[in-house]
Amino acid sequence: MARRRPGYRLELDLADMRALQYIAQRYESGKVLYDHLDLVDDEASFLAGHRVIWQLSEPAAWEYRDALESEGGVVPPLAGGHLQQELLKFYDRIV
């Protein structure tokens, strides 16, 4: 059962995280996001390829939003369809 913690949640699977790791090597916004995500669900589910909940603190979420805006507010197309959509929805939730 996922633990509730304050901040922003993002549901990603192993393929999404690999794509995010690739983006983090090329874009500051990806680096900020990748470096600050905390796994909320169990690691075994994640390693088995299941979609799991990741958590980002409020200050880190704003750091991600600021970094993405400094890059033109566009999620890199390298993210691919699903991850790109998830990151855009995530960005829109940061208020």
PDB file of N, CA and C in Angstrom:
ATOM      1  N   MET A   1       0.840  -1.180   0.000  1.00  0.00           N
ATOM      2  CA  MET A   1       0.000   0.000   0.000  1.00  0.00           C
ATOM      3  C   MET A   1       0.888   1.248   0.000  1.00  0.00           C
ATOM      4  N   ALA A   2       0.573   2.192  -0.865  1.00  0.00           N
ATOM      5  CA  ALA A   2       1.373   3.405  -1.007  1.00  0.00           C
ATOM      6  C   ALA A   2       1.209   4.302   0.223  1.00  0.00           C
ATOM      7  N   ARG A   3       2.308   4.881   0.663  1.00  0.00           N
ATOM      8  CA  ARG A   3       2.286   5.820   1.781  1.00  0.00           C
ATOM      9  C   ARG A   3       1.981   7.211   1.235  1.00  0.00           C
ATOM     10  N   ARG A   4       1.095   7.942   1.903  1.00  0.00           N
ATOM     11  CA  ARG A   4       0.748   9.302   1.493  1.00  0.00           C
ATOM     12  C   ARG A   4       1.749  10.269   2.105  1.00  0.00           C
ATOM     13  N   ARG A   5       2.380  11.038   1.267  1.00  0.00           N
ATOM     14  CA  ARG A   5       3.302  12.072   1.718  1.00  0.00           C
ATOM     15  C   ARG A   5       2.959  13.343   0.969  1.00  0.00           C
ATOM     16  N   PRO A   6       3.252  14.501   1.561  1.00  0.00           N
ATOM     17  CA  PRO A   6       2.958  15.740   0.848  1.00  0.00           C
ATOM     18  C   PRO A   6       3.830  15.867  -0.394  1.00  0.00           C
ATOM     19  N   GLY A   7       3.293  16.529  -1.389  1.00  0.00           N
ATOM     20  CA  GLY A   7       4.041  16.750  -2.622  1.00  0.00           C
ATOM     21  C   GLY A   7       3.234  16.339  -3.835  1.00  0.00           C
ATOM     22  N   TYR A   8       3.918  16.072  -4.903  1.00  0.00           N
ATOM     23  CA  TYR A   8       3.293  15.734  -6.176  1.00  0.00           C
ATOM     24  C   TYR A   8       3.627  14.299  -6.542  1.00  0.00           C
ATOM     25  N   ARG A   9       2.641  13.612  -7.106  1.00  0.00           N
ATOM     26  CA  ARG A   9       2.796  12.201  -7.450  1.00  0.00           C
ATOM     27  C   ARG A   9       2.826  12.032  -8.959  1.00  0.00           C
ATOM     28  N   LEU A  10       3.580  11.032  -9.380  1.00  0.00           N
ATOM     29  CA  LEU A  10       3.739  10.720 -10.797  1.00  0.00           C
ATOM     30  C   LEU A  10       3.790   9.205 -10.928  1.00  0.00           C
ATOM     31  N   GLU A  11       2.986   8.645 -11.819  1.00  0.00           N
ATOM     32  CA  GLU A  11       2.953   7.195 -11.997  1.00  0.00           C
ATOM     33  C   GLU A  11       3.761   6.832 -13.237  1.00  0.00           C
ATOM     34  N   LEU A  12       4.844   6.071 -13.026  1.00  0.00           N
ATOM     35  CA  LEU A  12       5.752   5.705 -14.112  1.00  0.00           C
ATOM     36  C   LEU A  12       6.146   4.236 -13.989  1.00  0.00           C
ATOM     37  N   ASP A  13       6.513   3.646 -15.105  1.00  0.00           N
ATOM     38  CA  ASP A  13       7.029   2.281 -15.079  1.00  0.00           C
ATOM     39  C   ASP A  13       8.526   2.312 -15.396  1.00  0.00           C
ATOM     40  N   LEU A  14       9.125   1.154 -15.478  1.00  0.00           N
ATOM     41  CA  LEU A  14      10.563   1.044 -15.692  1.00  0.00           C
ATOM     42  C   LEU A  14      10.994   1.676 -17.018  1.00  0.00           C
ATOM     43  N   ALA A  15      10.209   1.456 -18.073  1.00  0.00           N
ATOM     44  CA  ALA A  15      10.538   2.053 -19.383  1.00  0.00           C
ATOM     45  C   ALA A  15      10.490   3.576 -19.310  1.00  0.00           C
ATOM     46  N   ASP A  16       9.485   4.117 -18.602  1.00  0.00           N
ATOM     47  CA  ASP A  16       9.400   5.570 -18.433  1.00  0.00           C
ATOM     48  C   ASP A  16      10.622   6.104 -17.697  1.00  0.00           C
ATOM     49  N   MET A  17      11.031   5.398 -16.646  1.00  0.00           N
ATOM     50  CA  MET A  17      12.184   5.861 -15.871  1.00  0.00           C
ATOM     51  C   MET A  17      13.475   5.786 -16.673  1.00  0.00           C
ATOM     52  N   ARG A  18      13.593   4.776 -17.516  1.00  0.00           N
ATOM     53  CA  ARG A  18      14.784   4.704 -18.380  1.00  0.00           C
ATOM     54  C   ARG A  18      14.802   5.879 -19.356  1.00  0.00           C
ATOM     55  N   ALA A  19      13.637   6.207 -19.917  1.00  0.00           N
ATOM     56  CA  ALA A  19      13.549   7.354 -20.825  1.00  0.00           C
ATOM     57  C   ALA A  19      13.849   8.638 -20.070  1.00  0.00           C
ATOM     58  N   LEU A  20      13.336   8.758 -18.846  1.00  0.00           N
ATOM     59  CA  LEU A  20      13.602   9.945 -18.038  1.00  0.00           C
ATOM     60  C   LEU A  20      15.081  10.056 -17.693  1.00  0.00           C
ATOM     61  N   GLN A  21      15.724   8.933 -17.425  1.00  0.00           N
ATOM     62  CA  GLN A  21      17.159   8.942 -17.145  1.00  0.00           C
ATOM     63  C   GLN A  21      17.925   9.464 -18.359  1.00  0.00           C
ATOM     64  N   TYR A  22      17.525   9.063 -19.553  1.00  0.00           N
ATOM     65  CA  TYR A  22      18.148   9.531 -20.792  1.00  0.00           C
ATOM     66  C   TYR A  22      17.962  11.045 -20.941  1.00  0.00           C
ATOM     67  N   ILE A  23      16.746  11.512 -20.678  1.00  0.00           N
ATOM     68  CA  ILE A  23      16.445  12.949 -20.767  1.00  0.00           C
ATOM     69  C   ILE A  23      17.253  13.722 -19.730  1.00  0.00           C
ATOM     70  N   ALA A  24      17.405  13.143 -18.536  1.00  0.00           N
ATOM     71  CA  ALA A  24      18.131  13.810 -17.454  1.00  0.00           C
ATOM     72  C   ALA A  24      19.591  14.075 -17.814  1.00  0.00           C
ATOM     73  N   GLN A  25      20.132  13.289 -18.723  1.00  0.00           N
ATOM     74  CA  GLN A  25      21.513  13.489 -19.154  1.00  0.00           C
ATOM     75  C   GLN A  25      21.641  14.634 -20.158  1.00  0.00           C
ATOM     76  N   ARG A  26      20.500  15.123 -20.668  1.00  0.00           N
ATOM     77  CA  ARG A  26      20.529  16.121 -21.733  1.00  0.00           C
ATOM     78  C   ARG A  26      19.808  17.430 -21.418  1.00  0.00           C
ATOM     79  N   TYR A  27      18.873  17.396 -20.467  1.00  0.00           N
ATOM     80  CA  TYR A  27      18.052  18.565 -20.158  1.00  0.00           C
ATOM     81  C   TYR A  27      18.021  18.790 -18.653  1.00  0.00           C
ATOM     82  N   GLU A  28      18.159  20.042 -18.255  1.00  0.00           N
ATOM     83  CA  GLU A  28      18.145  20.380 -16.831  1.00  0.00           C
ATOM     84  C   GLU A  28      16.826  19.972 -16.182  1.00  0.00           C
ATOM     85  N   SER A  29      15.711  20.194 -16.864  1.00  0.00           N
ATOM     86  CA  SER A  29      14.411  19.839 -16.276  1.00  0.00           C
ATOM     87  C   SER A  29      14.345  18.341 -15.996  1.00  0.00           C
ATOM     88  N   GLY A  30      14.833  17.529 -16.902  1.00  0.00           N
ATOM     89  CA  GLY A  30      14.844  16.086 -16.694  1.00  0.00           C
ATOM     90  C   GLY A  30      15.748  15.699 -15.551  1.00  0.00           C
ATOM     91  N   LYS A  31      16.890  16.376 -15.426  1.00  0.00           N
ATOM     92  CA  LYS A  31      17.826  16.094 -14.329  1.00  0.00           C
ATOM     93  C   LYS A  31      17.180  16.422 -12.994  1.00  0.00           C
ATOM     94  N   VAL A  32      16.533  17.582 -12.907  1.00  0.00           N
ATOM     95  CA  VAL A  32      15.870  17.978 -11.663  1.00  0.00           C
ATOM     96  C   VAL A  32      14.818  16.938 -11.277  1.00  0.00           C
ATOM     97  N   LEU A  33      13.987  16.562 -12.229  1.00  0.00           N
ATOM     98  CA  LEU A  33      12.930  15.596 -11.947  1.00  0.00           C
ATOM     99  C   LEU A  33      13.511  14.245 -11.540  1.00  0.00           C
ATOM    100  N   TYR A  34      14.436  13.744 -12.315  1.00  0.00           N
ATOM    101  CA  TYR A  34      15.028  12.421 -12.049  1.00  0.00           C
ATOM    102  C   TYR A  34      15.731  12.391 -10.694  1.00  0.00           C
ATOM    103  N   ASP A  35      16.463  13.441 -10.375  1.00  0.00           N
ATOM    104  CA  ASP A  35      17.238  13.476  -9.134  1.00  0.00           C
ATOM    105  C   ASP A  35      16.364  13.563  -7.879  1.00  0.00           C
ATOM    106  N   HIS A  36      15.134  14.084  -8.009  1.00  0.00           N
ATOM    107  CA  HIS A  36      14.299  14.325  -6.833  1.00  0.00           C
ATOM    108  C   HIS A  36      13.144  13.352  -6.656  1.00  0.00           C
ATOM    109  N   LEU A  37      12.933  12.437  -7.579  1.00  0.00           N
ATOM    110  CA  LEU A  37      11.819  11.496  -7.441  1.00  0.00           C
ATOM    111  C   LEU A  37      12.113  10.458  -6.359  1.00  0.00           C
ATOM    112  N   ASP A  38      11.125  10.200  -5.528  1.00  0.00           N
ATOM    113  CA  ASP A  38      11.211   9.165  -4.495  1.00  0.00           C
ATOM    114  C   ASP A  38      10.168   8.100  -4.799  1.00  0.00           C
ATOM    115  N   LEU A  39      10.554   6.848  -4.710  1.00  0.00           N
ATOM    116  CA  LEU A  39       9.636   5.745  -4.933  1.00  0.00           C
ATOM    117  C   LEU A  39       8.710   5.608  -3.732  1.00  0.00           C
ATOM    118  N   VAL A  40       7.393   5.621  -3.987  1.00  0.00           N
ATOM    119  CA  VAL A  40       6.409   5.458  -2.922  1.00  0.00           C
ATOM    120  C   VAL A  40       6.007   3.991  -2.821  1.00  0.00           C
ATOM    121  N   ASP A  41       5.803   3.330  -3.954  1.00  0.00           N
ATOM    122  CA  ASP A  41       5.423   1.910  -3.973  1.00  0.00           C
ATOM    123  C   ASP A  41       6.654   1.045  -3.751  1.00  0.00           C
ATOM    124  N   ASP A  42       6.440  -0.266  -3.731  1.00  0.00           N
ATOM    125  CA  ASP A  42       7.560  -1.159  -3.455  1.00  0.00           C
ATOM    126  C   ASP A  42       8.464  -1.347  -4.681  1.00  0.00           C
ATOM    127  N   GLU A  43       9.732  -1.505  -4.419  1.00  0.00           N
ATOM    128  CA  GLU A  43      10.740  -1.611  -5.472  1.00  0.00           C
ATOM    129  C   GLU A  43      10.548  -2.859  -6.331  1.00  0.00           C
ATOM    130  N   ALA A  44      10.086  -3.960  -5.750  1.00  0.00           N
ATOM    131  CA  ALA A  44       9.893  -5.198  -6.511  1.00  0.00           C
ATOM    132  C   ALA A  44       8.859  -5.003  -7.620  1.00  0.00           C
ATOM    133  N   SER A  45       7.788  -4.291  -7.335  1.00  0.00           N
ATOM    134  CA  SER A  45       6.772  -4.012  -8.358  1.00  0.00           C
ATOM    135  C   SER A  45       7.382  -3.206  -9.497  1.00  0.00           C
ATOM    136  N   PHE A  46       8.188  -2.222  -9.132  1.00  0.00           N
ATOM    137  CA  PHE A  46       8.832  -1.386 -10.134  1.00  0.00           C
ATOM    138  C   PHE A  46       9.767  -2.209 -11.010  1.00  0.00           C
ATOM    139  N   LEU A  47      10.610  -3.009 -10.385  1.00  0.00           N
ATOM    140  CA  LEU A  47      11.580  -3.811 -11.133  1.00  0.00           C
ATOM    141  C   LEU A  47      10.896  -4.880 -11.987  1.00  0.00           C
ATOM    142  N   ALA A  48       9.680  -5.262 -11.628  1.00  0.00           N
ATOM    143  CA  ALA A  48       8.911  -6.230 -12.414  1.00  0.00           C
ATOM    144  C   ALA A  48       8.244  -5.561 -13.615  1.00  0.00           C
ATOM    145  N   GLY A  49       8.402  -4.243 -13.735  1.00  0.00           N
ATOM    146  CA  GLY A  49       7.858  -3.530 -14.893  1.00  0.00           C
ATOM    147  C   GLY A  49       6.484  -2.938 -14.681  1.00  0.00           C
ATOM    148  N   HIS A  50       5.972  -2.998 -13.453  1.00  0.00           N
ATOM    149  CA  HIS A  50       4.656  -2.427 -13.167  1.00  0.00           C
ATOM    150  C   HIS A  50       4.745  -0.912 -13.043  1.00  0.00           C
ATOM    151  N   ARG A  51       3.631  -0.254 -13.303  1.00  0.00           N
ATOM    152  CA  ARG A  51       3.555   1.194 -13.089  1.00  0.00           C
ATOM    153  C   ARG A  51       3.481   1.429 -11.586  1.00  0.00           C
ATOM    154  N   VAL A  52       4.305   2.309 -11.079  1.00  0.00           N
ATOM    155  CA  VAL A  52       4.346   2.596  -9.654  1.00  0.00           C
ATOM    156  C   VAL A  52       4.294   4.106  -9.421  1.00  0.00           C
ATOM    157  N   ILE A  53       3.996   4.459  -8.190  1.00  0.00           N
ATOM    158  CA  ILE A  53       3.874   5.863  -7.812  1.00  0.00           C
ATOM    159  C   ILE A  53       5.226   6.402  -7.353  1.00  0.00           C
ATOM    160  N   TRP A  54       5.585   7.528  -7.920  1.00  0.00           N
ATOM    161  CA  TRP A  54       6.775   8.271  -7.514  1.00  0.00           C
ATOM    162  C   TRP A  54       6.310   9.578  -6.897  1.00  0.00           C
ATOM    163  N   GLN A  55       7.099  10.128  -6.006  1.00  0.00           N
ATOM    164  CA  GLN A  55       6.744  11.335  -5.273  1.00  0.00           C
ATOM    165  C   GLN A  55       7.813  12.402  -5.490  1.00  0.00           C
ATOM    166  N   LEU A  56       7.368  13.639  -5.610  1.00  0.00           N
ATOM    167  CA  LEU A  56       8.273  14.774  -5.734  1.00  0.00           C
ATOM    168  C   LEU A  56       7.817  15.819  -4.724  1.00  0.00           C
ATOM    169  N   SER A  57       8.727  16.308  -3.892  1.00  0.00           N
ATOM    170  CA  SER A  57       8.361  17.310  -2.892  1.00  0.00           C
ATOM    171  C   SER A  57       7.915  18.596  -3.589  1.00  0.00           C
ATOM    172  N   GLU A  58       7.186  19.425  -2.865  1.00  0.00           N
ATOM    173  CA  GLU A  58       6.708  20.690  -3.429  1.00  0.00           C
ATOM    174  C   GLU A  58       7.865  21.574  -3.916  1.00  0.00           C
ATOM    175  N   PRO A  59       8.916  21.796  -3.105  1.00  0.00           N
ATOM    176  CA  PRO A  59      10.022  22.637  -3.603  1.00  0.00           C
ATOM    177  C   PRO A  59      10.688  22.046  -4.850  1.00  0.00           C
ATOM    178  N   ALA A  60      10.856  20.728  -4.883  1.00  0.00           N
ATOM    179  CA  ALA A  60      11.471  20.091  -6.050  1.00  0.00           C
ATOM    180  C   ALA A  60      10.554  20.196  -7.264  1.00  0.00           C
ATOM    181  N   ALA A  61       9.244  20.111  -7.047  1.00  0.00           N
ATOM    182  CA  ALA A  61       8.297  20.254  -8.157  1.00  0.00           C
ATOM    183  C   ALA A  61       8.402  21.643  -8.770  1.00  0.00           C
ATOM    184  N   TRP A  62       8.522  22.654  -7.930  1.00  0.00           N
ATOM    185  CA  TRP A  62       8.670  24.013  -8.453  1.00  0.00           C
ATOM    186  C   TRP A  62      10.020  24.192  -9.153  1.00  0.00           C
ATOM    187  N   GLU A  63      11.039  23.547  -8.645  1.00  0.00           N
ATOM    188  CA  GLU A  63      12.348  23.593  -9.314  1.00  0.00           C
ATOM    189  C   GLU A  63      12.241  22.965 -10.709  1.00  0.00           C
ATOM    190  N   TYR A  64      11.511  21.841 -10.802  1.00  0.00           N
ATOM    191  CA  TYR A  64      11.281  21.195 -12.100  1.00  0.00           C
ATOM    192  C   TYR A  64      10.500  22.130 -13.021  1.00  0.00           C
ATOM    193  N   ARG A  65       9.426  22.717 -12.517  1.00  0.00           N
ATOM    194  CA  ARG A  65       8.601  23.623 -13.329  1.00  0.00           C
ATOM    195  C   ARG A  65       9.441  24.802 -13.852  1.00  0.00           C
ATOM    196  N   ASP A  66      10.238  25.407 -12.974  1.00  0.00           N
ATOM    197  CA  ASP A  66      11.095  26.527 -13.379  1.00  0.00           C
ATOM    198  C   ASP A  66      12.106  26.091 -14.439  1.00  0.00           C
ATOM    199  N   ALA A  67      12.715  24.922 -14.256  1.00  0.00           N
ATOM    200  CA  ALA A  67      13.697  24.428 -15.232  1.00  0.00           C
ATOM    201  C   ALA A  67      13.028  24.167 -16.577  1.00  0.00           C
ATOM    202  N   LEU A  68      11.828  23.579 -16.556  1.00  0.00           N
ATOM    203  CA  LEU A  68      11.122  23.299 -17.807  1.00  0.00           C
ATOM    204  C   LEU A  68      10.731  24.597 -18.500  1.00  0.00           C
ATOM    205  N   GLU A  69      10.284  25.589 -17.745  1.00  0.00           N
ATOM    206  CA  GLU A  69       9.936  26.882 -18.334  1.00  0.00           C
ATOM    207  C   GLU A  69      11.162  27.564 -18.927  1.00  0.00           C
ATOM    208  N   SER A  70      12.320  27.412 -18.285  1.00  0.00           N
ATOM    209  CA  SER A  70      13.540  28.023 -18.833  1.00  0.00           C
ATOM    210  C   SER A  70      13.965  27.351 -20.141  1.00  0.00           C
ATOM    211  N   GLU A  71      13.458  26.133 -20.368  1.00  0.00           N
ATOM    212  CA  GLU A  71      13.723  25.402 -21.618  1.00  0.00           C
ATOM    213  C   GLU A  71      12.584  25.582 -22.627  1.00  0.00           C
ATOM    214  N   GLY A  72      11.749  26.587 -22.396  1.00  0.00           N
ATOM    215  CA  GLY A  72      10.671  26.883 -23.326  1.00  0.00           C
ATOM    216  C   GLY A  72       9.346  26.225 -22.975  1.00  0.00           C
ATOM    217  N   GLY A  73       9.272  25.546 -21.827  1.00  0.00           N
ATOM    218  CA  GLY A  73       8.024  24.918 -21.401  1.00  0.00           C
ATOM    219  C   GLY A  73       7.629  23.705 -22.217  1.00  0.00           C
ATOM    220  N   VAL A  74       8.592  23.119 -22.900  1.00  0.00           N
ATOM    221  CA  VAL A  74       8.309  21.978 -23.766  1.00  0.00           C
ATOM    222  C   VAL A  74       9.026  20.745 -23.221  1.00  0.00           C
ATOM    223  N   VAL A  75       8.258  19.682 -23.010  1.00  0.00           N
ATOM    224  CA  VAL A  75       8.861  18.410 -22.613  1.00  0.00           C
ATOM    225  C   VAL A  75       9.596  17.861 -23.826  1.00  0.00           C
ATOM    226  N   PRO A  76      10.852  17.473 -23.669  1.00  0.00           N
ATOM    227  CA  PRO A  76      11.616  16.987 -24.821  1.00  0.00           C
ATOM    228  C   PRO A  76      10.908  15.844 -25.537  1.00  0.00           C
ATOM    229  N   PRO A  77      10.875  15.893 -26.870  1.00  0.00           N
ATOM    230  CA  PRO A  77      10.228  14.825 -27.623  1.00  0.00           C
ATOM    231  C   PRO A  77      10.919  13.475 -27.420  1.00  0.00           C
ATOM    232  N   LEU A  78      12.134  13.487 -26.895  1.00  0.00           N
ATOM    233  CA  LEU A  78      12.834  12.241 -26.602  1.00  0.00           C
ATOM    234  C   LEU A  78      12.068  11.405 -25.597  1.00  0.00           C
ATOM    235  N   ALA A  79      11.160  12.051 -24.854  1.00  0.00           N
ATOM    236  CA  ALA A  79      10.406  11.347 -23.824  1.00  0.00           C
ATOM    237  C   ALA A  79       9.479  10.296 -24.420  1.00  0.00           C
ATOM    238  N   GLY A  80       9.111  10.453 -25.655  1.00  0.00           N
ATOM    239  CA  GLY A  80       8.168   9.512 -26.262  1.00  0.00           C
ATOM    240  C   GLY A  80       6.748   9.864 -25.875  1.00  0.00           C
ATOM    241  N   GLY A  81       5.793   9.280 -26.567  1.00  0.00           N
ATOM    242  CA  GLY A  81       4.390   9.626 -26.417  1.00  0.00           C
ATOM    243  C   GLY A  81       3.849   9.561 -25.002  1.00  0.00           C
ATOM    244  N   HIS A  82       3.904   8.386 -24.370  1.00  0.00           N
ATOM    245  CA  HIS A  82       3.301   8.233 -23.048  1.00  0.00           C
ATOM    246  C   HIS A  82       3.999   9.078 -21.993  1.00  0.00           C
ATOM    247  N   LEU A  83       5.296   8.990 -21.903  1.00  0.00           N
ATOM    248  CA  LEU A  83       6.028   9.753 -20.891  1.00  0.00           C
ATOM    249  C   LEU A  83       5.852  11.248 -21.121  1.00  0.00           C
ATOM    250  N   GLN A  84       5.896  11.677 -22.348  1.00  0.00           N
ATOM    251  CA  GLN A  84       5.722  13.092 -22.658  1.00  0.00           C
ATOM    252  C   GLN A  84       4.356  13.581 -22.169  1.00  0.00           C
ATOM    253  N   GLN A  85       3.307  12.804 -22.401  1.00  0.00           N
ATOM    254  CA  GLN A  85       1.968  13.169 -21.928  1.00  0.00           C
ATOM    255  C   GLN A  85       1.915  13.218 -20.409  1.00  0.00           C
ATOM    256  N   GLU A  86       2.519  12.226 -19.755  1.00  0.00           N
ATOM    257  CA  GLU A  86       2.521  12.195 -18.286  1.00  0.00           C
ATOM    258  C   GLU A  86       3.259  13.403 -17.712  1.00  0.00           C
ATOM    259  N   LEU A  87       4.386  13.762 -18.312  1.00  0.00           N
ATOM    260  CA  LEU A  87       5.164  14.896 -17.810  1.00  0.00           C
ATOM    261  C   LEU A  87       4.436  16.216 -18.027  1.00  0.00           C
ATOM    262  N   LEU A  88       3.716  16.337 -19.135  1.00  0.00           N
ATOM    263  CA  LEU A  88       2.925  17.552 -19.375  1.00  0.00           C
ATOM    264  C   LEU A  88       1.785  17.661 -18.370  1.00  0.00           C
ATOM    265  N   LYS A  89       1.100  16.548 -18.091  1.00  0.00           N
ATOM    266  CA  LYS A  89       0.027  16.568 -17.087  1.00  0.00           C
ATOM    267  C   LYS A  89       0.606  16.910 -15.709  1.00  0.00           C
ATOM    268  N   PHE A  90       1.767  16.328 -15.409  1.00  0.00           N
ATOM    269  CA  PHE A  90       2.441  16.591 -14.132  1.00  0.00           C
ATOM    270  C   PHE A  90       2.777  18.082 -14.008  1.00  0.00           C
ATOM    271  N   TYR A  91       3.338  18.649 -15.045  1.00  0.00           N
ATOM    272  CA  TYR A  91       3.706  20.060 -15.086  1.00  0.00           C
ATOM    273  C   TYR A  91       2.478  20.942 -14.829  1.00  0.00           C
ATOM    274  N   ASP A  92       1.371  20.585 -15.466  1.00  0.00           N
ATOM    275  CA  ASP A  92       0.141  21.367 -15.311  1.00  0.00           C
ATOM    276  C   ASP A  92      -0.439  21.307 -13.900  1.00  0.00           C
ATOM    277  N   ARG A  93      -0.137  20.256 -13.146  1.00  0.00           N
ATOM    278  CA  ARG A  93      -0.664  20.115 -11.775  1.00  0.00           C
ATOM    279  C   ARG A  93       0.130  20.938 -10.761  1.00  0.00           C
ATOM    280  N   ILE A  94       1.297  21.406 -11.113  1.00  0.00           N
ATOM    281  CA  ILE A  94       2.142  22.143 -10.153  1.00  0.00           C
ATOM    282  C   ILE A  94       1.601  23.560 -10.040  1.00  0.00           C
ATOM    283  N   VAL A  95       0.984  23.835  -8.897  1.00  0.00           N
ATOM    284  CA  VAL A  95       0.385  25.161  -8.667  1.00  0.00           C
ATOM    285  C   VAL A  95       0.774  25.700  -7.312  1.00  0.00           C
TER     286      VAL A  95
END
